[in-house]
Amino acid sequence: MSATKLFFEIFYGIVGMGYFMSGKRLGNGRILACGIALGVVPYFVDATWALIVLGAVITAIPFIFRG
């Protein structure tokens, strides 16, 4: 495991925890689902570049689809 992958796992875990807490408090299912996804994705992705891309996409979803 590289230091870069470990950094992004921790980073997206913290962002995911914030999304989860915010989504639960606001009652917004989209933010809640993104928080859960950010917490789970690092366990299933081995490639560092894929983790960075998936994490960035999931992080951006609540801002892109505000609906």
PDB file of N, CA and C in Angstrom:
ATOM      1  N   MET A   1       0.843  -1.174   0.000  1.00  0.00           N
ATOM      2  CA  MET A   1       0.000   0.000   0.000  1.00  0.00           C
ATOM      3  C   MET A   1       0.887   1.235   0.000  1.00  0.00           C
ATOM      4  N   SER A   2       0.587   2.135  -0.905  1.00  0.00           N
ATOM      5  CA  SER A   2       1.391   3.349  -0.991  1.00  0.00           C
ATOM      6  C   SER A   2       0.846   4.412  -0.036  1.00  0.00           C
ATOM      7  N   ALA A   3       1.688   5.375   0.240  1.00  0.00           N
ATOM      8  CA  ALA A   3       1.283   6.469   1.125  1.00  0.00           C
ATOM      9  C   ALA A   3       0.186   7.312   0.476  1.00  0.00           C
ATOM     10  N   THR A   4       0.216   7.437  -0.842  1.00  0.00           N
ATOM     11  CA  THR A   4      -0.808   8.207  -1.549  1.00  0.00           C
ATOM     12  C   THR A   4      -2.172   7.553  -1.400  1.00  0.00           C
ATOM     13  N   LYS A   5      -2.241   6.254  -1.560  1.00  0.00           N
ATOM     14  CA  LYS A   5      -3.514   5.539  -1.428  1.00  0.00           C
ATOM     15  C   LYS A   5      -4.031   5.643  -0.002  1.00  0.00           C
ATOM     16  N   LEU A   6      -3.160   5.500   0.967  1.00  0.00           N
ATOM     17  CA  LEU A   6      -3.563   5.624   2.360  1.00  0.00           C
ATOM     18  C   LEU A   6      -4.106   7.023   2.654  1.00  0.00           C
ATOM     19  N   PHE A   7      -3.436   8.047   2.125  1.00  0.00           N
ATOM     20  CA  PHE A   7      -3.905   9.416   2.316  1.00  0.00           C
ATOM     21  C   PHE A   7      -5.315   9.601   1.768  1.00  0.00           C
ATOM     22  N   PHE A   8      -5.553   9.135   0.537  1.00  0.00           N
ATOM     23  CA  PHE A   8      -6.865   9.317  -0.071  1.00  0.00           C
ATOM     24  C   PHE A   8      -7.936   8.456   0.601  1.00  0.00           C
ATOM     25  N   GLU A   9      -7.579   7.304   1.118  1.00  0.00           N
ATOM     26  CA  GLU A   9      -8.543   6.499   1.872  1.00  0.00           C
ATOM     27  C   GLU A   9      -9.002   7.246   3.117  1.00  0.00           C
ATOM     28  N   ILE A  10      -8.058   7.824   3.825  1.00  0.00           N
ATOM     29  CA  ILE A  10      -8.397   8.580   5.031  1.00  0.00           C
ATOM     30  C   ILE A  10      -9.167   9.843   4.665  1.00  0.00           C
ATOM     31  N   PHE A  11      -8.718  10.550   3.635  1.00  0.00           N
ATOM     32  CA  PHE A  11      -9.371  11.787   3.206  1.00  0.00           C
ATOM     33  C   PHE A  11     -10.826  11.546   2.812  1.00  0.00           C
ATOM     34  N   TYR A  12     -11.061  10.558   1.949  1.00  0.00           N
ATOM     35  CA  TYR A  12     -12.430  10.286   1.517  1.00  0.00           C
ATOM     36  C   TYR A  12     -13.268   9.695   2.649  1.00  0.00           C
ATOM     37  N   GLY A  13     -12.655   9.022   3.576  1.00  0.00           N
ATOM     38  CA  GLY A  13     -13.375   8.548   4.743  1.00  0.00           C
ATOM     39  C   GLY A  13     -13.879   9.693   5.605  1.00  0.00           C
ATOM     40  N   ILE A  14     -13.044  10.714   5.784  1.00  0.00           N
ATOM     41  CA  ILE A  14     -13.447  11.887   6.559  1.00  0.00           C
ATOM     42  C   ILE A  14     -14.538  12.666   5.839  1.00  0.00           C
ATOM     43  N   VAL A  15     -14.372  12.853   4.530  1.00  0.00           N
ATOM     44  CA  VAL A  15     -15.398  13.544   3.747  1.00  0.00           C
ATOM     45  C   VAL A  15     -16.708  12.743   3.784  1.00  0.00           C
ATOM     46  N   GLY A  16     -16.607  11.435   3.656  1.00  0.00           N
ATOM     47  CA  GLY A  16     -17.786  10.583   3.711  1.00  0.00           C
ATOM     48  C   GLY A  16     -18.494  10.655   5.051  1.00  0.00           C
ATOM     49  N   MET A  17     -17.741  10.724   6.118  1.00  0.00           N
ATOM     50  CA  MET A  17     -18.346  10.848   7.439  1.00  0.00           C
ATOM     51  C   MET A  17     -19.093  12.180   7.558  1.00  0.00           C
ATOM     52  N   GLY A  18     -18.498  13.240   7.023  1.00  0.00           N
ATOM     53  CA  GLY A  18     -19.171  14.539   7.033  1.00  0.00           C
ATOM     54  C   GLY A  18     -20.440  14.529   6.204  1.00  0.00           C
ATOM     55  N   TYR A  19     -20.383  13.918   5.023  1.00  0.00           N
ATOM     56  CA  TYR A  19     -21.582  13.802   4.183  1.00  0.00           C
ATOM     57  C   TYR A  19     -22.652  12.982   4.882  1.00  0.00           C
ATOM     58  N   PHE A  20     -22.258  11.896   5.503  1.00  0.00           N
ATOM     59  CA  PHE A  20     -23.216  11.030   6.193  1.00  0.00           C
ATOM     60  C   PHE A  20     -23.922  11.792   7.313  1.00  0.00           C
ATOM     61  N   MET A  21     -23.150  12.479   8.136  1.00  0.00           N
ATOM     62  CA  MET A  21     -23.741  13.226   9.243  1.00  0.00           C
ATOM     63  C   MET A  21     -24.622  14.355   8.744  1.00  0.00           C
ATOM     64  N   SER A  22     -24.177  15.053   7.709  1.00  0.00           N
ATOM     65  CA  SER A  22     -24.968  16.141   7.142  1.00  0.00           C
ATOM     66  C   SER A  22     -26.248  15.619   6.494  1.00  0.00           C
ATOM     67  N   GLY A  23     -26.151  14.542   5.738  1.00  0.00           N
ATOM     68  CA  GLY A  23     -27.326  13.967   5.096  1.00  0.00           C
ATOM     69  C   GLY A  23     -28.336  13.453   6.099  1.00  0.00           C
ATOM     70  N   LYS A  24     -27.858  12.884   7.178  1.00  0.00           N
ATOM     71  CA  LYS A  24     -28.760  12.386   8.219  1.00  0.00           C
ATOM     72  C   LYS A  24     -29.459  13.552   8.922  1.00  0.00           C
ATOM     73  N   ARG A  25     -28.712  14.590   9.221  1.00  0.00           N
ATOM     74  CA  ARG A  25     -29.275  15.745   9.911  1.00  0.00           C
ATOM     75  C   ARG A  25     -30.285  16.492   9.039  1.00  0.00           C
ATOM     76  N   LEU A  26     -29.966  16.653   7.744  1.00  0.00           N
ATOM     77  CA  LEU A  26     -30.848  17.374   6.837  1.00  0.00           C
ATOM     78  C   LEU A  26     -31.964  16.509   6.264  1.00  0.00           C
ATOM     79  N   GLY A  27     -31.859  15.218   6.421  1.00  0.00           N
ATOM     80  CA  GLY A  27     -32.842  14.312   5.840  1.00  0.00           C
ATOM     81  C   GLY A  27     -32.710  14.214   4.331  1.00  0.00           C
ATOM     82  N   ASN A  28     -31.504  14.411   3.822  1.00  0.00           N
ATOM     83  CA  ASN A  28     -31.244  14.374   2.385  1.00  0.00           C
ATOM     84  C   ASN A  28     -30.612  13.025   2.041  1.00  0.00           C
ATOM     85  N   GLY A  29     -31.372  12.208   1.333  1.00  0.00           N
ATOM     86  CA  GLY A  29     -30.912  10.868   1.001  1.00  0.00           C
ATOM     87  C   GLY A  29     -29.733  10.839   0.051  1.00  0.00           C
ATOM     88  N   ARG A  30     -29.638  11.823  -0.843  1.00  0.00           N
ATOM     89  CA  ARG A  30     -28.538  11.853  -1.803  1.00  0.00           C
ATOM     90  C   ARG A  30     -27.208  12.072  -1.094  1.00  0.00           C
ATOM     91  N   ILE A  31     -27.173  13.028  -0.180  1.00  0.00           N
ATOM     92  CA  ILE A  31     -25.935  13.288   0.562  1.00  0.00           C
ATOM     93  C   ILE A  31     -25.604  12.107   1.470  1.00  0.00           C
ATOM     94  N   LEU A  32     -26.611  11.530   2.076  1.00  0.00           N
ATOM     95  CA  LEU A  32     -26.421  10.362   2.936  1.00  0.00           C
ATOM     96  C   LEU A  32     -25.837   9.192   2.154  1.00  0.00           C
ATOM     97  N   ALA A  33     -26.376   8.932   0.962  1.00  0.00           N
ATOM     98  CA  ALA A  33     -25.876   7.830   0.123  1.00  0.00           C
ATOM     99  C   ALA A  33     -24.441   8.087  -0.328  1.00  0.00           C
ATOM    100  N   CYS A  34     -24.126   9.328  -0.654  1.00  0.00           N
ATOM    101  CA  CYS A  34     -22.746   9.653  -1.047  1.00  0.00           C
ATOM    102  C   CYS A  34     -21.797   9.461   0.126  1.00  0.00           C
ATOM    103  N   GLY A  35     -22.230   9.778   1.327  1.00  0.00           N
ATOM    104  CA  GLY A  35     -21.406   9.559   2.511  1.00  0.00           C
ATOM    105  C   GLY A  35     -21.130   8.087   2.745  1.00  0.00           C
ATOM    106  N   ILE A  36     -22.163   7.261   2.580  1.00  0.00           N
ATOM    107  CA  ILE A  36     -21.981   5.817   2.729  1.00  0.00           C
ATOM    108  C   ILE A  36     -21.051   5.292   1.642  1.00  0.00           C
ATOM    109  N   ALA A  37     -21.257   5.758   0.418  1.00  0.00           N
ATOM    110  CA  ALA A  37     -20.414   5.304  -0.697  1.00  0.00           C
ATOM    111  C   ALA A  37     -18.952   5.687  -0.481  1.00  0.00           C
ATOM    112  N   LEU A  38     -18.705   6.899  -0.002  1.00  0.00           N
ATOM    113  CA  LEU A  38     -17.324   7.317   0.250  1.00  0.00           C
ATOM    114  C   LEU A  38     -16.681   6.512   1.376  1.00  0.00           C
ATOM    115  N   GLY A  39     -17.474   6.025   2.287  1.00  0.00           N
ATOM    116  CA  GLY A  39     -16.932   5.193   3.362  1.00  0.00           C
ATOM    117  C   GLY A  39     -16.660   3.767   2.934  1.00  0.00           C
ATOM    118  N   VAL A  40     -17.374   3.290   1.901  1.00  0.00           N
ATOM    119  CA  VAL A  40     -17.275   1.891   1.481  1.00  0.00           C
ATOM    120  C   VAL A  40     -16.334   1.701   0.291  1.00  0.00           C
ATOM    121  N   VAL A  41     -16.289   2.644  -0.617  1.00  0.00           N
ATOM    122  CA  VAL A  41     -15.512   2.506  -1.854  1.00  0.00           C
ATOM    123  C   VAL A  41     -14.042   2.156  -1.619  1.00  0.00           C
ATOM    124  N   PRO A  42     -13.341   2.771  -0.662  1.00  0.00           N
ATOM    125  CA  PRO A  42     -11.920   2.424  -0.489  1.00  0.00           C
ATOM    126  C   PRO A  42     -11.661   0.952  -0.154  1.00  0.00           C
ATOM    127  N   TYR A  43     -12.650   0.246   0.377  1.00  0.00           N
ATOM    128  CA  TYR A  43     -12.459  -1.168   0.688  1.00  0.00           C
ATOM    129  C   TYR A  43     -12.459  -2.050  -0.556  1.00  0.00           C
ATOM    130  N   PHE A  44     -13.061  -1.576  -1.639  1.00  0.00           N
ATOM    131  CA  PHE A  44     -13.217  -2.404  -2.826  1.00  0.00           C
ATOM    132  C   PHE A  44     -12.350  -1.978  -4.007  1.00  0.00           C
ATOM    133  N   VAL A  45     -11.671  -0.848  -3.905  1.00  0.00           N
ATOM    134  CA  VAL A  45     -10.857  -0.338  -5.010  1.00  0.00           C
ATOM    135  C   VAL A  45      -9.385  -0.489  -4.640  1.00  0.00           C
ATOM    136  N   ASP A  46      -8.640  -1.187  -5.502  1.00  0.00           N
ATOM    137  CA  ASP A  46      -7.216  -1.403  -5.225  1.00  0.00           C
ATOM    138  C   ASP A  46      -6.305  -0.371  -5.885  1.00  0.00           C
ATOM    139  N   ALA A  47      -6.695   0.097  -7.067  1.00  0.00           N
ATOM    140  CA  ALA A  47      -5.848   1.028  -7.806  1.00  0.00           C
ATOM    141  C   ALA A  47      -5.994   2.436  -7.234  1.00  0.00           C
ATOM    142  N   THR A  48      -4.861   3.096  -7.032  1.00  0.00           N
ATOM    143  CA  THR A  48      -4.870   4.445  -6.469  1.00  0.00           C
ATOM    144  C   THR A  48      -5.582   5.422  -7.387  1.00  0.00           C
ATOM    145  N   TRP A  49      -5.319   5.339  -8.683  1.00  0.00           N
ATOM    146  CA  TRP A  49      -5.939   6.279  -9.625  1.00  0.00           C
ATOM    147  C   TRP A  49      -7.454   6.097  -9.651  1.00  0.00           C
ATOM    148  N   ALA A  50      -7.934   4.861  -9.545  1.00  0.00           N
ATOM    149  CA  ALA A  50      -9.376   4.612  -9.538  1.00  0.00           C
ATOM    150  C   ALA A  50     -10.005   5.155  -8.260  1.00  0.00           C
ATOM    151  N   LEU A  51      -9.314   5.023  -7.141  1.00  0.00           N
ATOM    152  CA  LEU A  51      -9.815   5.558  -5.880  1.00  0.00           C
ATOM    153  C   LEU A  51      -9.944   7.071  -5.950  1.00  0.00           C
ATOM    154  N   ILE A  52      -8.944   7.731  -6.531  1.00  0.00           N
ATOM    155  CA  ILE A  52      -8.979   9.194  -6.646  1.00  0.00           C
ATOM    156  C   ILE A  52     -10.127   9.634  -7.541  1.00  0.00           C
ATOM    157  N   VAL A  53     -10.298   8.974  -8.681  1.00  0.00           N
ATOM    158  CA  VAL A  53     -11.353   9.352  -9.622  1.00  0.00           C
ATOM    159  C   VAL A  53     -12.737   9.081  -9.032  1.00  0.00           C
ATOM    160  N   LEU A  54     -12.956   7.887  -8.501  1.00  0.00           N
ATOM    161  CA  LEU A  54     -14.256   7.560  -7.918  1.00  0.00           C
ATOM    162  C   LEU A  54     -14.584   8.462  -6.726  1.00  0.00           C
ATOM    163  N   GLY A  55     -13.609   8.708  -5.898  1.00  0.00           N
ATOM    164  CA  GLY A  55     -13.836   9.591  -4.753  1.00  0.00           C
ATOM    165  C   GLY A  55     -14.189  11.004  -5.177  1.00  0.00           C
ATOM    166  N   ALA A  56     -13.511  11.510  -6.188  1.00  0.00           N
ATOM    167  CA  ALA A  56     -13.813  12.857  -6.679  1.00  0.00           C
ATOM    168  C   ALA A  56     -15.208  12.928  -7.284  1.00  0.00           C
ATOM    169  N   VAL A  57     -15.600  11.901  -8.030  1.00  0.00           N
ATOM    170  CA  VAL A  57     -16.933  11.879  -8.641  1.00  0.00           C
ATOM    171  C   VAL A  57     -18.017  11.802  -7.573  1.00  0.00           C
ATOM    172  N   ILE A  58     -17.842  10.911  -6.604  1.00  0.00           N
ATOM    173  CA  ILE A  58     -18.845  10.772  -5.549  1.00  0.00           C
ATOM    174  C   ILE A  58     -18.908  12.032  -4.691  1.00  0.00           C
ATOM    175  N   THR A  59     -17.776  12.664  -4.453  1.00  0.00           N
ATOM    176  CA  THR A  59     -17.752  13.903  -3.683  1.00  0.00           C
ATOM    177  C   THR A  59     -18.491  15.020  -4.408  1.00  0.00           C
ATOM    178  N   ALA A  60     -18.418  15.036  -5.736  1.00  0.00           N
ATOM    179  CA  ALA A  60     -19.039  16.107  -6.523  1.00  0.00           C
ATOM    180  C   ALA A  60     -20.533  15.906  -6.752  1.00  0.00           C
ATOM    181  N   ILE A  61     -21.045  14.702  -6.592  1.00  0.00           N
ATOM    182  CA  ILE A  61     -22.461  14.418  -6.906  1.00  0.00           C
ATOM    183  C   ILE A  61     -23.431  15.349  -6.167  1.00  0.00           C
ATOM    184  N   PRO A  62     -23.302  15.585  -4.856  1.00  0.00           N
ATOM    185  CA  PRO A  62     -24.263  16.470  -4.208  1.00  0.00           C
ATOM    186  C   PRO A  62     -24.224  17.910  -4.725  1.00  0.00           C
ATOM    187  N   PHE A  63     -23.084  18.336  -5.260  1.00  0.00           N
ATOM    188  CA  PHE A  63     -22.988  19.695  -5.784  1.00  0.00           C
ATOM    189  C   PHE A  63     -23.524  19.793  -7.206  1.00  0.00           C
ATOM    190  N   ILE A  64     -23.390  18.726  -7.971  1.00  0.00           N
ATOM    191  CA  ILE A  64     -23.861  18.729  -9.353  1.00  0.00           C
ATOM    192  C   ILE A  64     -25.375  18.561  -9.411  1.00  0.00           C
ATOM    193  N   PHE A  65     -25.902  17.631  -8.637  1.00  0.00           N
ATOM    194  CA  PHE A  65     -27.343  17.338  -8.639  1.00  0.00           C
ATOM    195  C   PHE A  65     -27.991  17.871  -7.376  1.00  0.00           C
ATOM    196  N   ARG A  66     -28.172  19.162  -7.310  1.00  0.00           N
ATOM    197  CA  ARG A  66     -28.767  19.768  -6.101  1.00  0.00           C
ATOM    198  C   ARG A  66     -30.273  19.595  -6.047  1.00  0.00           C
ATOM    199  N   GLY A  67     -30.903  19.447  -7.210  1.00  0.00           N
ATOM    200  CA  GLY A  67     -32.320  19.228  -7.434  1.00  0.00           C
ATOM    201  C   GLY A  67     -33.181  19.498  -6.305  1.00  0.00           C
TER     202      GLY A  67
END
